[in-house]
Amino acid sequence: MQKKQGALILILIGMIVLAFPIIGLFPFSLITGLIISIVGVGLLLGGIVEIGESFGLGISGIILGIIALILGIGFIINPALFSFVASLLVFIAGFILLGIGIVTITGKFGEDKSSGVVSLILGIIYLIIATLVSDPAILGTLIGLWILITGFLILFQKE
């Protein structure tokens, strides 16, 4: 019974987020920003403690901590930054998949080139999705669809 209530709540939230997509982006950006900020503080403190034993490791921890803090605070203050970073990561994954596909098709890694074709197709799909995700409203819509589909999957799951 609780599972069905949770599913109905997810479906309702998914429909609200689909109606107002930017609203769906705020919680994800806020939660991600808080987590990355906490990681940044941990890296910064760890780097400060480590600097006495290993200068290079300590400095790298401090630098990564500062970068994580800036990024985390940026996600909290500006959800559009979250959309940009999500888009950037999907772009990078798309280019990596394209590279793998080209190397697999043109290389001498075996007779079967179908995995290279699949990598090329997935790379192109990733690049298209990355272009769409760069718009915060579209990312919010995708988040709303994800919540809605998750709610329906839970609702119709056999117990």
Protein backbone atom coordinates (compact mmCIF):
# COMPACT_ATOMS: atom_id res chain seq x y z
CA MET A 1 0.00 0.00 0.00
CA GLN A 2 2.83 2.44 0.85
CA LYS A 3 4.51 1.60 -2.45
CA LYS A 4 1.41 2.65 -4.39
CA GLN A 5 1.09 5.87 -2.39
CA GLY A 6 4.73 6.69 -3.09
CA ALA A 7 4.21 5.95 -6.78
CA LEU A 8 1.16 8.23 -6.92
CA ILE A 9 3.14 11.00 -5.22
CA LEU A 10 5.94 10.56 -7.79
CA ILE A 11 3.41 10.71 -10.63
CA LEU A 12 1.92 13.89 -9.18
CA ILE A 13 5.35 15.48 -8.71
CA GLY A 14 6.32 14.42 -12.25
CA MET A 15 3.22 16.13 -13.68
CA ILE A 16 3.93 19.30 -11.68
CA VAL A 17 7.53 19.35 -12.89
CA LEU A 18 6.38 18.81 -16.48
CA ALA A 19 4.02 21.77 -16.10
CA PHE A 20 6.78 23.94 -14.55
CA PRO A 21 10.10 22.45 -15.72
CA ILE A 22 12.39 24.97 -14.06
CA ILE A 23 10.91 24.00 -10.68
CA GLY A 24 12.21 20.45 -11.23
CA LEU A 25 15.71 21.72 -11.83
CA PHE A 26 16.01 23.59 -8.52
CA PRO A 27 15.99 20.58 -6.14
CA PHE A 28 18.51 18.63 -8.24
CA SER A 29 20.78 21.65 -8.53
CA LEU A 30 20.47 22.42 -4.80
CA ILE A 31 21.10 18.85 -3.63
CA THR A 32 24.01 18.40 -6.03
CA GLY A 33 25.44 21.76 -4.98
CA LEU A 34 25.24 20.86 -1.30
CA ILE A 35 26.90 17.48 -1.84
CA ILE A 36 29.68 18.93 -3.99
CA SER A 37 30.23 21.71 -1.44
CA ILE A 38 30.58 19.16 1.35
CA VAL A 39 33.04 17.17 -0.77
CA GLY A 40 34.91 20.41 -1.47
CA VAL A 41 35.23 21.19 2.24
CA GLY A 42 36.46 17.64 2.85
CA LEU A 43 39.03 17.88 0.08
CA LEU A 44 40.16 21.29 1.29
CA LEU A 45 40.58 20.13 4.90
CA GLY A 46 42.22 16.89 3.76
CA GLY A 47 44.62 18.85 1.58
CA ILE A 48 45.54 21.13 4.47
CA VAL A 49 46.21 18.14 6.74
CA GLU A 50 48.11 16.29 4.00
CA ILE A 51 50.36 19.19 3.04
CA GLY A 52 52.75 18.38 5.91
CA GLU A 53 53.34 14.82 4.69
CA SER A 54 53.15 15.25 0.93
CA PHE A 55 53.28 18.78 -0.45
CA GLY A 56 52.07 17.82 -3.94
CA LEU A 57 49.17 15.73 -2.66
CA GLY A 58 48.19 18.44 -0.20
CA ILE A 59 48.21 21.19 -2.83
CA SER A 60 46.17 19.05 -5.25
CA GLY A 61 43.62 18.39 -2.48
CA ILE A 62 43.39 22.10 -1.72
CA ILE A 63 42.99 23.03 -5.40
CA LEU A 64 40.35 20.35 -5.99
CA GLY A 65 38.57 21.42 -2.79
CA ILE A 66 38.44 25.04 -3.93
CA ILE A 67 37.16 24.02 -7.38
CA ALA A 68 34.50 21.78 -5.82
CA LEU A 69 33.41 24.53 -3.42
CA ILE A 70 33.09 27.06 -6.24
CA LEU A 71 31.15 24.58 -8.37
CA GLY A 72 28.90 23.52 -5.47
CA ILE A 73 28.08 27.09 -4.49
CA GLY A 74 27.50 27.87 -8.17
CA PHE A 75 24.98 25.02 -8.41
CA ILE A 76 23.17 26.31 -5.33
CA ILE A 77 23.05 29.92 -6.54
CA ASN A 78 22.52 29.35 -10.27
CA PRO A 79 20.69 26.21 -11.49
CA ALA A 80 21.60 27.15 -15.08
CA LEU A 81 25.20 26.27 -14.18
CA PHE A 82 23.98 22.78 -13.25
CA SER A 83 22.38 22.50 -16.69
CA PHE A 84 25.59 23.72 -18.37
CA VAL A 85 27.80 21.23 -16.50
CA ALA A 86 25.36 18.37 -17.20
CA SER A 87 25.41 19.32 -20.88
CA LEU A 88 29.22 19.55 -20.88
CA LEU A 89 29.57 16.07 -19.36
CA VAL A 90 27.16 14.57 -21.90
CA PHE A 91 29.08 16.32 -24.72
CA ILE A 92 32.35 14.82 -23.46
CA ALA A 93 30.77 11.35 -23.27
CA GLY A 94 29.39 11.80 -26.81
CA PHE A 95 32.79 12.75 -28.22
CA ILE A 96 34.42 9.82 -26.43
CA LEU A 97 31.84 7.45 -27.92
CA LEU A 98 32.43 8.93 -31.39
CA GLY A 99 36.17 8.43 -30.97
CA ILE A 100 35.71 4.84 -29.83
CA GLY A 101 33.43 4.19 -32.79
CA ILE A 102 35.90 5.62 -35.31
CA VAL A 103 38.83 3.72 -33.81
CA THR A 104 36.84 0.48 -33.72
CA ILE A 105 35.65 0.81 -37.32
CA THR A 106 38.98 1.87 -38.78
CA GLY A 107 41.23 -0.19 -36.51
CA LYS A 108 42.31 -3.79 -36.76
CA PHE A 109 40.60 -4.98 -33.60
CA GLY A 110 38.73 -7.86 -35.14
CA GLU A 111 36.26 -8.77 -37.81
CA ASP A 112 33.13 -7.42 -36.11
CA LYS A 113 32.75 -3.67 -36.71
CA SER A 114 29.16 -3.51 -35.42
CA SER A 115 30.23 -2.29 -31.98
CA GLY A 116 31.95 0.65 -33.66
CA VAL A 117 28.76 1.52 -35.53
CA VAL A 118 26.79 1.31 -32.27
CA SER A 119 29.34 3.62 -30.59
CA LEU A 120 29.02 6.12 -33.44
CA ILE A 121 25.23 6.10 -33.23
CA LEU A 122 25.28 6.46 -29.44
CA GLY A 123 27.83 9.28 -29.73
CA ILE A 124 25.58 11.18 -32.12
CA ILE A 125 22.58 10.63 -29.82
CA TYR A 126 24.62 11.87 -26.83
CA LEU A 127 25.62 15.01 -28.75
CA ILE A 128 21.99 15.72 -29.65
CA ILE A 129 20.87 15.19 -26.04
CA ALA A 130 23.73 17.39 -24.77
CA THR A 131 22.53 20.20 -27.02
CA LEU A 132 19.02 19.84 -25.61
CA VAL A 133 20.12 19.50 -21.98
CA SER A 134 22.02 22.80 -22.15
CA ASP A 135 18.62 24.53 -21.92
CA PRO A 136 17.49 24.47 -18.25
CA ALA A 137 13.81 24.20 -19.24
CA ILE A 138 14.47 21.09 -21.33
CA LEU A 139 16.59 19.56 -18.56
CA GLY A 140 13.75 20.26 -16.13
CA THR A 141 11.30 18.61 -18.54
CA LEU A 142 13.54 15.54 -18.78
CA ILE A 143 13.71 15.40 -14.98
CA GLY A 144 9.90 15.61 -14.85
CA LEU A 145 9.57 12.78 -17.38
CA TRP A 146 12.04 10.69 -15.39
CA ILE A 147 10.04 11.21 -12.16
CA LEU A 148 6.74 10.47 -13.93
CA ILE A 149 8.03 7.28 -15.59
CA THR A 150 9.57 6.12 -12.31
CA GLY A 151 6.22 6.63 -10.59
CA PHE A 152 4.38 4.59 -13.24
CA LEU A 153 6.98 1.83 -13.13
CA ILE A 154 6.62 1.57 -9.35
CA LEU A 155 2.82 1.73 -9.58
CA PHE A 156 2.55 -1.14 -12.06
CA GLN A 157 5.30 -3.26 -10.48
CA LYS A 158 4.23 -6.68 -9.27
CA GLU A 159 4.51 -7.03 -5.52
